[in-house]
Structure formats: C-alpha cells, structure tokens
C-alpha cells in the first residue's frame, strides 16, 4: 500500500499532466490549488456517502419501490396537467 506522501505525489503528477494537456504549461501554484480542492471534494463526497449509508442502515431514508415511484410520478404529472 502506498504511503500518504506517495499518494500525494501521484495526485500532483496526475494533475500536472492534465494541466499540461489543457494549458500547454505546468504552473506549480495551480497544481497545489487543484490538489487541495480535489482532496476537499473527495472528503466531502466520501463524507456524504458515509452519512447516507449510515442513514439507510438506521432506516432514516425514505426508500420507495419502483412501482411507488411510478405512482408518485404519475400523480404529479396529472396535477401538472390539471392546472
């Protein structure tokens, strides 16, 4: 398993290649900014995933069957047509 430092370097290298492809240059300041934002977004998305998973486990999410979803959609569609 790669260490945290190795993962950081790999992320920076991947971003540098992508920026070079897009811009034709490798700006160091933008590499660090993009790395920071990618880590923040990863944590935000992963945090939401874990939160939703925990809510689902605790029965806090309203989970509908496919038939119930179709019924709700049809009902909303009819309401829209009647207005």
PDB file of N, CA and C in Angstrom:
ATOM      1  N   UNK A   1       0.853  -1.178   0.000  1.00  0.00           N
ATOM      2  CA  UNK A   1       0.000   0.000   0.000  1.00  0.00           C
ATOM      3  C   UNK A   1       0.897   1.239   0.000  1.00  0.00           C
ATOM      4  N   UNK A   2       0.519   2.199  -0.797  1.00  0.00           N
ATOM      5  CA  UNK A   2       1.298   3.430  -0.915  1.00  0.00           C
ATOM      6  C   UNK A   2       1.090   4.304   0.322  1.00  0.00           C
ATOM      7  N   UNK A   3       2.150   5.000   0.695  1.00  0.00           N
ATOM      8  CA  UNK A   3       2.046   5.889   1.841  1.00  0.00           C
ATOM      9  C   UNK A   3       1.304   7.159   1.439  1.00  0.00           C
ATOM     10  N   UNK A   4       0.947   7.952   2.421  1.00  0.00           N
ATOM     11  CA  UNK A   4       0.231   9.199   2.172  1.00  0.00           C
ATOM     12  C   UNK A   4       1.058  10.141   1.305  1.00  0.00           C
ATOM     13  N   UNK A   5       2.361  10.187   1.576  1.00  0.00           N
ATOM     14  CA  UNK A   5       3.249  11.057   0.788  1.00  0.00           C
ATOM     15  C   UNK A   5       3.320  10.597  -0.668  1.00  0.00           C
ATOM     16  N   UNK A   6       3.369   9.290  -0.879  1.00  0.00           N
ATOM     17  CA  UNK A   6       3.400   8.754  -2.244  1.00  0.00           C
ATOM     18  C   UNK A   6       2.093   9.035  -2.982  1.00  0.00           C
ATOM     19  N   UNK A   7       0.981   8.922  -2.271  1.00  0.00           N
ATOM     20  CA  UNK A   7      -0.325   9.214  -2.877  1.00  0.00           C
ATOM     21  C   UNK A   7      -0.415  10.681  -3.265  1.00  0.00           C
ATOM     22  N   UNK A   8       0.113  11.554  -2.413  1.00  0.00           N
ATOM     23  CA  UNK A   8       0.108  12.994  -2.689  1.00  0.00           C
ATOM     24  C   UNK A   8       0.946  13.300  -3.933  1.00  0.00           C
ATOM     25  N   UNK A   9       2.108  12.684  -4.029  1.00  0.00           N
ATOM     26  CA  UNK A   9       2.966  12.906  -5.196  1.00  0.00           C
ATOM     27  C   UNK A   9       2.314  12.377  -6.475  1.00  0.00           C
ATOM     28  N   UNK A  10       1.650  11.241  -6.378  1.00  0.00           N
ATOM     29  CA  UNK A  10       0.963  10.683  -7.535  1.00  0.00           C
ATOM     30  C   UNK A  10      -0.183  11.596  -7.979  1.00  0.00           C
ATOM     31  N   UNK A  11      -0.926  12.127  -7.014  1.00  0.00           N
ATOM     32  CA  UNK A  11      -2.004  13.062  -7.328  1.00  0.00           C
ATOM     33  C   UNK A  11      -1.453  14.315  -8.003  1.00  0.00           C
ATOM     34  N   UNK A  12      -0.356  14.857  -7.473  1.00  0.00           N
ATOM     35  CA  UNK A  12       0.261  16.038  -8.070  1.00  0.00           C
ATOM     36  C   UNK A  12       0.751  15.758  -9.485  1.00  0.00           C
ATOM     37  N   UNK A  13       1.339  14.595  -9.700  1.00  0.00           N
ATOM     38  CA  UNK A  13       1.828  14.246 -11.037  1.00  0.00           C
ATOM     39  C   UNK A  13       0.670  14.103 -12.019  1.00  0.00           C
ATOM     40  N   UNK A  14      -0.408  13.478 -11.583  1.00  0.00           N
ATOM     41  CA  UNK A  14      -1.578  13.302 -12.440  1.00  0.00           C
ATOM     42  C   UNK A  14      -2.186  14.656 -12.810  1.00  0.00           C
ATOM     43  N   UNK A  15      -2.267  15.544 -11.833  1.00  0.00           N
ATOM     44  CA  UNK A  15      -2.807  16.886 -12.081  1.00  0.00           C
ATOM     45  C   UNK A  15      -1.878  17.675 -12.985  1.00  0.00           C
ATOM     46  N   UNK A  16      -0.572  17.530 -12.791  1.00  0.00           N
ATOM     47  CA  UNK A  16       0.398  18.233 -13.642  1.00  0.00           C
ATOM     48  C   UNK A  16       0.248  17.800 -15.093  1.00  0.00           C
ATOM     49  N   UNK A  17       0.070  16.505 -15.324  1.00  0.00           N
ATOM     50  CA  UNK A  17      -0.111  16.006 -16.694  1.00  0.00           C
ATOM     51  C   UNK A  17      -1.400  16.552 -17.294  1.00  0.00           C
ATOM     52  N   UNK A  18      -2.477  16.561 -16.513  1.00  0.00           N
ATOM     53  CA  UNK A  18      -3.751  17.071 -17.012  1.00  0.00           C
ATOM     54  C   UNK A  18      -3.669  18.565 -17.323  1.00  0.00           C
ATOM     55  N   UNK A  19      -3.021  19.332 -16.452  1.00  0.00           N
ATOM     56  CA  UNK A  19      -2.862  20.769 -16.702  1.00  0.00           C
ATOM     57  C   UNK A  19      -1.979  21.020 -17.921  1.00  0.00           C
ATOM     58  N   UNK A  20      -0.940  20.212 -18.081  1.00  0.00           N
ATOM     59  CA  UNK A  20      -0.070  20.364 -19.249  1.00  0.00           C
ATOM     60  C   UNK A  20      -0.841  20.082 -20.531  1.00  0.00           C
ATOM     61  N   UNK A  21      -1.696  19.066 -20.508  1.00  0.00           N
ATOM     62  CA  UNK A  21      -2.511  18.751 -21.686  1.00  0.00           C
ATOM     63  C   UNK A  21      -3.470  19.891 -22.021  1.00  0.00           C
ATOM     64  N   UNK A  22      -4.052  20.504 -20.988  1.00  0.00           N
ATOM     65  CA  UNK A  22      -5.046  21.563 -21.199  1.00  0.00           C
ATOM     66  C   UNK A  22      -4.409  22.911 -21.508  1.00  0.00           C
ATOM     67  N   UNK A  23      -3.364  23.260 -20.756  1.00  0.00           N
ATOM     68  CA  UNK A  23      -2.800  24.611 -20.849  1.00  0.00           C
ATOM     69  C   UNK A  23      -1.508  24.693 -21.665  1.00  0.00           C
ATOM     70  N   UNK A  24      -0.837  23.584 -21.824  1.00  0.00           N
ATOM     71  CA  UNK A  24       0.443  23.595 -22.523  1.00  0.00           C
ATOM     72  C   UNK A  24       1.593  24.030 -21.630  1.00  0.00           C
ATOM     73  N   UNK A  25       1.352  24.167 -20.351  1.00  0.00           N
ATOM     74  CA  UNK A  25       2.388  24.538 -19.390  1.00  0.00           C
ATOM     75  C   UNK A  25       2.048  23.879 -18.057  1.00  0.00           C
ATOM     76  N   UNK A  26       2.961  23.917 -17.115  1.00  0.00           N
ATOM     77  CA  UNK A  26       2.749  23.298 -15.814  1.00  0.00           C
ATOM     78  C   UNK A  26       2.936  24.352 -14.721  1.00  0.00           C
ATOM     79  N   UNK A  27       1.896  25.078 -14.360  1.00  0.00           N
ATOM     80  CA  UNK A  27       2.009  26.092 -13.306  1.00  0.00           C
ATOM     81  C   UNK A  27       1.971  25.453 -11.909  1.00  0.00           C
ATOM     82  N   UNK A  28       3.042  25.622 -11.143  1.00  0.00           N
ATOM     83  CA  UNK A  28       3.149  24.988  -9.826  1.00  0.00           C
ATOM     84  C   UNK A  28       2.058  25.451  -8.854  1.00  0.00           C
ATOM     85  N   UNK A  29       1.753  26.748  -8.874  1.00  0.00           N
ATOM     86  CA  UNK A  29       0.744  27.263  -7.940  1.00  0.00           C
ATOM     87  C   UNK A  29      -0.617  26.627  -8.200  1.00  0.00           C
ATOM     88  N   UNK A  30      -0.951  26.430  -9.452  1.00  0.00           N
ATOM     89  CA  UNK A  30      -2.244  25.830  -9.776  1.00  0.00           C
ATOM     90  C   UNK A  30      -2.272  24.352  -9.421  1.00  0.00           C
ATOM     91  N   UNK A  31      -1.141  23.677  -9.511  1.00  0.00           N
ATOM     92  CA  UNK A  31      -1.088  22.262  -9.128  1.00  0.00           C
ATOM     93  C   UNK A  31      -1.447  22.110  -7.661  1.00  0.00           C
ATOM     94  N   UNK A  32      -0.857  22.933  -6.811  1.00  0.00           N
ATOM     95  CA  UNK A  32      -1.133  22.849  -5.376  1.00  0.00           C
ATOM     96  C   UNK A  32      -2.590  23.207  -5.071  1.00  0.00           C
ATOM     97  N   UNK A  33      -3.120  24.192  -5.761  1.00  0.00           N
ATOM     98  CA  UNK A  33      -4.510  24.600  -5.546  1.00  0.00           C
ATOM     99  C   UNK A  33      -5.467  23.486  -5.970  1.00  0.00           C
ATOM    100  N   UNK A  34      -5.230  22.883  -7.119  1.00  0.00           N
ATOM    101  CA  UNK A  34      -6.086  21.804  -7.604  1.00  0.00           C
ATOM    102  C   UNK A  34      -5.984  20.580  -6.699  1.00  0.00           C
ATOM    103  N   UNK A  35      -4.787  20.270  -6.210  1.00  0.00           N
ATOM    104  CA  UNK A  35      -4.610  19.148  -5.278  1.00  0.00           C
ATOM    105  C   UNK A  35      -5.419  19.377  -4.008  1.00  0.00           C
ATOM    106  N   UNK A  36      -5.332  20.581  -3.494  1.00  0.00           N
ATOM    107  CA  UNK A  36      -6.080  20.912  -2.277  1.00  0.00           C
ATOM    108  C   UNK A  36      -7.580  20.769  -2.514  1.00  0.00           C
ATOM    109  N   UNK A  37      -8.076  21.336  -3.608  1.00  0.00           N
ATOM    110  CA  UNK A  37      -9.504  21.256  -3.896  1.00  0.00           C
ATOM    111  C   UNK A  37      -9.961  19.828  -4.157  1.00  0.00           C
ATOM    112  N   UNK A  38      -9.138  19.025  -4.791  1.00  0.00           N
ATOM    113  CA  UNK A  38      -9.521  17.636  -5.044  1.00  0.00           C
ATOM    114  C   UNK A  38      -9.601  16.846  -3.739  1.00  0.00           C
ATOM    115  N   UNK A  39      -8.687  17.101  -2.803  1.00  0.00           N
ATOM    116  CA  UNK A  39      -8.766  16.424  -1.506  1.00  0.00           C
ATOM    117  C   UNK A  39     -10.019  16.842  -0.751  1.00  0.00           C
ATOM    118  N   UNK A  40     -10.337  18.130  -0.793  1.00  0.00           N
ATOM    119  CA  UNK A  40     -11.529  18.624  -0.098  1.00  0.00           C
ATOM    120  C   UNK A  40     -12.792  18.019  -0.704  1.00  0.00           C
ATOM    121  N   UNK A  41     -12.878  18.002  -2.029  1.00  0.00           N
ATOM    122  CA  UNK A  41     -14.061  17.447  -2.688  1.00  0.00           C
ATOM    123  C   UNK A  41     -14.184  15.945  -2.421  1.00  0.00           C
ATOM    124  N   UNK A  42     -13.066  15.236  -2.427  1.00  0.00           N
ATOM    125  CA  UNK A  42     -13.092  13.799  -2.145  1.00  0.00           C
ATOM    126  C   UNK A  42     -13.640  13.543  -0.750  1.00  0.00           C
ATOM    127  N   UNK A  43     -13.168  14.318   0.221  1.00  0.00           N
ATOM    128  CA  UNK A  43     -13.639  14.142   1.595  1.00  0.00           C
ATOM    129  C   UNK A  43     -15.108  14.513   1.720  1.00  0.00           C
ATOM    130  N   UNK A  44     -15.529  15.555   1.010  1.00  0.00           N
ATOM    131  CA  UNK A  44     -16.927  15.970   1.071  1.00  0.00           C
ATOM    132  C   UNK A  44     -17.830  14.895   0.475  1.00  0.00           C
ATOM    133  N   UNK A  45     -17.454  14.363  -0.666  1.00  0.00           N
ATOM    134  CA  UNK A  45     -18.267  13.345  -1.317  1.00  0.00           C
ATOM    135  C   UNK A  45     -18.248  12.055  -0.516  1.00  0.00           C
ATOM    136  N   UNK A  46     -17.089  11.660  -0.043  1.00  0.00           N
ATOM    137  CA  UNK A  46     -16.991  10.450   0.751  1.00  0.00           C
ATOM    138  C   UNK A  46     -17.785  10.603   2.042  1.00  0.00           C
ATOM    139  N   UNK A  47     -17.736  11.781   2.653  1.00  0.00           N
ATOM    140  CA  UNK A  47     -18.494  12.033   3.875  1.00  0.00           C
ATOM    141  C   UNK A  47     -19.987  11.929   3.643  1.00  0.00           C
ATOM    142  N   UNK A  48     -20.467  12.460   2.512  1.00  0.00           N
ATOM    143  CA  UNK A  48     -21.886  12.357   2.196  1.00  0.00           C
ATOM    144  C   UNK A  48     -22.287  10.911   1.958  1.00  0.00           C
ATOM    145  N   UNK A  49     -21.408  10.167   1.290  1.00  0.00           N
ATOM    146  CA  UNK A  49     -21.696   8.757   1.026  1.00  0.00           C
ATOM    147  C   UNK A  49     -21.820   7.988   2.339  1.00  0.00           C
ATOM    148  N   UNK A  50     -20.877   8.218   3.255  1.00  0.00           N
ATOM    149  CA  UNK A  50     -20.916   7.525   4.542  1.00  0.00           C
ATOM    150  C   UNK A  50     -22.133   7.925   5.353  1.00  0.00           C
ATOM    151  N   UNK A  51     -22.492   9.210   5.299  1.00  0.00           N
ATOM    152  CA  UNK A  51     -23.659   9.697   6.032  1.00  0.00           C
ATOM    153  C   UNK A  51     -24.930   9.051   5.493  1.00  0.00           C
ATOM    154  N   UNK A  52     -25.060   9.002   4.164  1.00  0.00           N
ATOM    155  CA  UNK A  52     -26.233   8.381   3.550  1.00  0.00           C
ATOM    156  C   UNK A  52     -26.287   6.889   3.873  1.00  0.00           C
ATOM    157  N   UNK A  53     -25.131   6.236   3.862  1.00  0.00           N
ATOM    158  CA  UNK A  53     -25.063   4.812   4.173  1.00  0.00           C
ATOM    159  C   UNK A  53     -25.526   4.565   5.617  1.00  0.00           C
ATOM    160  N   UNK A  54     -25.093   5.418   6.540  1.00  0.00           N
ATOM    161  CA  UNK A  54     -25.492   5.283   7.943  1.00  0.00           C
ATOM    162  C   UNK A  54     -26.985   5.538   8.108  1.00  0.00           C
ATOM    163  N   UNK A  55     -27.518   6.550   7.398  1.00  0.00           N
ATOM    164  CA  UNK A  55     -28.949   6.835   7.477  1.00  0.00           C
ATOM    165  C   UNK A  55     -29.762   5.668   6.934  1.00  0.00           C
ATOM    166  N   UNK A  56     -29.301   5.088   5.844  1.00  0.00           N
ATOM    167  CA  UNK A  56     -30.004   3.951   5.256  1.00  0.00           C
ATOM    168  C   UNK A  56     -29.999   2.767   6.226  1.00  0.00           C
ATOM    169  N   UNK A  57     -28.862   2.565   6.882  1.00  0.00           N
ATOM    170  CA  UNK A  57     -28.745   1.473   7.842  1.00  0.00           C
ATOM    171  C   UNK A  57     -29.699   1.680   9.020  1.00  0.00           C
ATOM    172  N   UNK A  58     -29.860   2.924   9.446  1.00  0.00           N
ATOM    173  CA  UNK A  58     -30.727   3.236  10.573  1.00  0.00           C
ATOM    174  C   UNK A  58     -32.193   3.379  10.184  1.00  0.00           C
ATOM    175  N   UNK A  59     -32.498   3.247   8.889  1.00  0.00           N
ATOM    176  CA  UNK A  59     -33.883   3.351   8.439  1.00  0.00           C
ATOM    177  C   UNK A  59     -34.381   4.776   8.354  1.00  0.00           C
ATOM    178  N   UNK A  60     -33.492   5.747   8.216  1.00  0.00           N
ATOM    179  CA  UNK A  60     -33.896   7.148   8.175  1.00  0.00           C
ATOM    180  C   UNK A  60     -34.193   7.641   6.767  1.00  0.00           C
ATOM    181  N   UNK A  61     -33.825   6.878   5.743  1.00  0.00           N
ATOM    182  CA  UNK A  61     -34.069   7.305   4.367  1.00  0.00           C
ATOM    183  C   UNK A  61     -35.396   6.736   3.878  1.00  0.00           C
ATOM    184  N   UNK A  62     -36.129   7.551   3.143  1.00  0.00           N
ATOM    185  CA  UNK A  62     -37.370   7.092   2.542  1.00  0.00           C
ATOM    186  C   UNK A  62     -37.022   6.372   1.248  1.00  0.00           C
ATOM    187  N   UNK A  63     -37.143   5.084   1.263  1.00  0.00           N
ATOM    188  CA  UNK A  63     -36.795   4.294   0.093  1.00  0.00           C
ATOM    189  C   UNK A  63     -38.093   3.748  -0.503  1.00  0.00           C
ATOM    190  N   UNK A  64     -38.354   4.097  -1.751  1.00  0.00           N
ATOM    191  CA  UNK A  64     -39.571   3.676  -2.418  1.00  0.00           C
ATOM    192  C   UNK A  64     -39.261   2.567  -3.400  1.00  0.00           C
ATOM    193  N   UNK A  65     -40.255   1.727  -3.615  1.00  0.00           N
ATOM    194  CA  UNK A  65     -40.116   0.720  -4.652  1.00  0.00           C
ATOM    195  C   UNK A  65     -40.315   1.392  -6.005  1.00  0.00           C
ATOM    196  N   UNK A  66     -39.974   0.700  -7.048  1.00  0.00           N
ATOM    197  CA  UNK A  66     -40.110   1.255  -8.398  1.00  0.00           C
ATOM    198  C   UNK A  66     -41.565   1.572  -8.710  1.00  0.00           C
ATOM    199  N   UNK A  67     -42.469   0.692  -8.284  1.00  0.00           N
ATOM    200  CA  UNK A  67     -43.896   0.898  -8.539  1.00  0.00           C
ATOM    201  C   UNK A  67     -44.404   2.139  -7.798  1.00  0.00           C
ATOM    202  N   UNK A  68     -43.964   2.338  -6.556  1.00  0.00           N
ATOM    203  CA  UNK A  68     -44.372   3.517  -5.800  1.00  0.00           C
ATOM    204  C   UNK A  68     -43.850   4.795  -6.454  1.00  0.00           C
ATOM    205  N   UNK A  69     -42.613   4.760  -6.973  1.00  0.00           N
ATOM    206  CA  UNK A  69     -42.056   5.926  -7.652  1.00  0.00           C
ATOM    207  C   UNK A  69     -42.863   6.263  -8.887  1.00  0.00           C
ATOM    208  N   UNK A  70     -43.265   5.236  -9.648  1.00  0.00           N
ATOM    209  CA  UNK A  70     -44.070   5.469 -10.849  1.00  0.00           C
ATOM    210  C   UNK A  70     -45.419   6.060 -10.484  1.00  0.00           C
ATOM    211  N   UNK A  71     -46.011   5.591  -9.399  1.00  0.00           N
ATOM    212  CA  UNK A  71     -47.297   6.118  -8.948  1.00  0.00           C
ATOM    213  C   UNK A  71     -47.172   7.591  -8.564  1.00  0.00           C
ATOM    214  N   UNK A  72     -46.119   7.934  -7.820  1.00  0.00           N
ATOM    215  CA  UNK A  72     -45.899   9.326  -7.418  1.00  0.00           C
ATOM    216  C   UNK A  72     -45.663  10.197  -8.648  1.00  0.00           C
ATOM    217  N   UNK A  73     -44.881   9.717  -9.612  1.00  0.00           N
ATOM    218  CA  UNK A  73     -44.610  10.471 -10.830  1.00  0.00           C
ATOM    219  C   UNK A  73     -45.897  10.699 -11.616  1.00  0.00           C
ATOM    220  N   UNK A  74     -46.710   9.659 -11.745  1.00  0.00           N
ATOM    221  CA  UNK A  74     -47.966   9.794 -12.489  1.00  0.00           C
ATOM    222  C   UNK A  74     -48.895  10.784 -11.791  1.00  0.00           C
ATOM    223  N   UNK A  75     -48.945  10.736 -10.480  1.00  0.00           N
ATOM    224  CA  UNK A  75     -49.793  11.657  -9.717  1.00  0.00           C
ATOM    225  C   UNK A  75     -49.341  13.106  -9.919  1.00  0.00           C
ATOM    226  N   UNK A  76     -48.047  13.340  -9.857  1.00  0.00           N
ATOM    227  CA  UNK A  76     -47.525  14.698 -10.053  1.00  0.00           C
ATOM    228  C   UNK A  76     -47.758  15.171 -11.478  1.00  0.00           C
ATOM    229  N   UNK A  77     -47.633  14.268 -12.441  1.00  0.00           N
ATOM    230  CA  UNK A  77     -47.879  14.605 -13.828  1.00  0.00           C
ATOM    231  C   UNK A  77     -49.336  15.016 -14.036  1.00  0.00           C
ATOM    232  N   UNK A  78     -50.259  14.266 -13.433  1.00  0.00           N
ATOM    233  CA  UNK A  78     -51.681  14.602 -13.551  1.00  0.00           C
ATOM    234  C   UNK A  78     -51.983  15.936 -12.897  1.00  0.00           C
ATOM    235  N   UNK A  79     -51.355  16.222 -11.777  1.00  0.00           N
ATOM    236  CA  UNK A  79     -51.564  17.517 -11.119  1.00  0.00           C
ATOM    237  C   UNK A  79     -51.092  18.647 -12.017  1.00  0.00           C
ATOM    238  N   UNK A  80     -49.991  18.449 -12.685  1.00  0.00           N
ATOM    239  CA  UNK A  80     -49.464  19.475 -13.591  1.00  0.00           C
ATOM    240  C   UNK A  80     -50.378  19.709 -14.777  1.00  0.00           C
ATOM    241  N   UNK A  81     -51.012  18.660 -15.276  1.00  0.00           N
ATOM    242  CA  UNK A  81     -51.907  18.800 -16.430  1.00  0.00           C
ATOM    243  C   UNK A  81     -53.222  19.454 -16.042  1.00  0.00           C
ATOM    244  N   UNK A  82     -53.644  19.300 -14.801  1.00  0.00           N
ATOM    245  CA  UNK A  82     -54.922  19.868 -14.350  1.00  0.00           C
ATOM    246  C   UNK A  82     -54.842  21.350 -14.019  1.00  0.00           C
ATOM    247  N   UNK A  83     -53.657  21.891 -13.952  1.00  0.00           N
ATOM    248  CA  UNK A  83     -53.515  23.312 -13.574  1.00  0.00           C
ATOM    249  C   UNK A  83     -53.772  24.222 -14.725  1.00  0.00           C
TER     250      UNK A  83
END
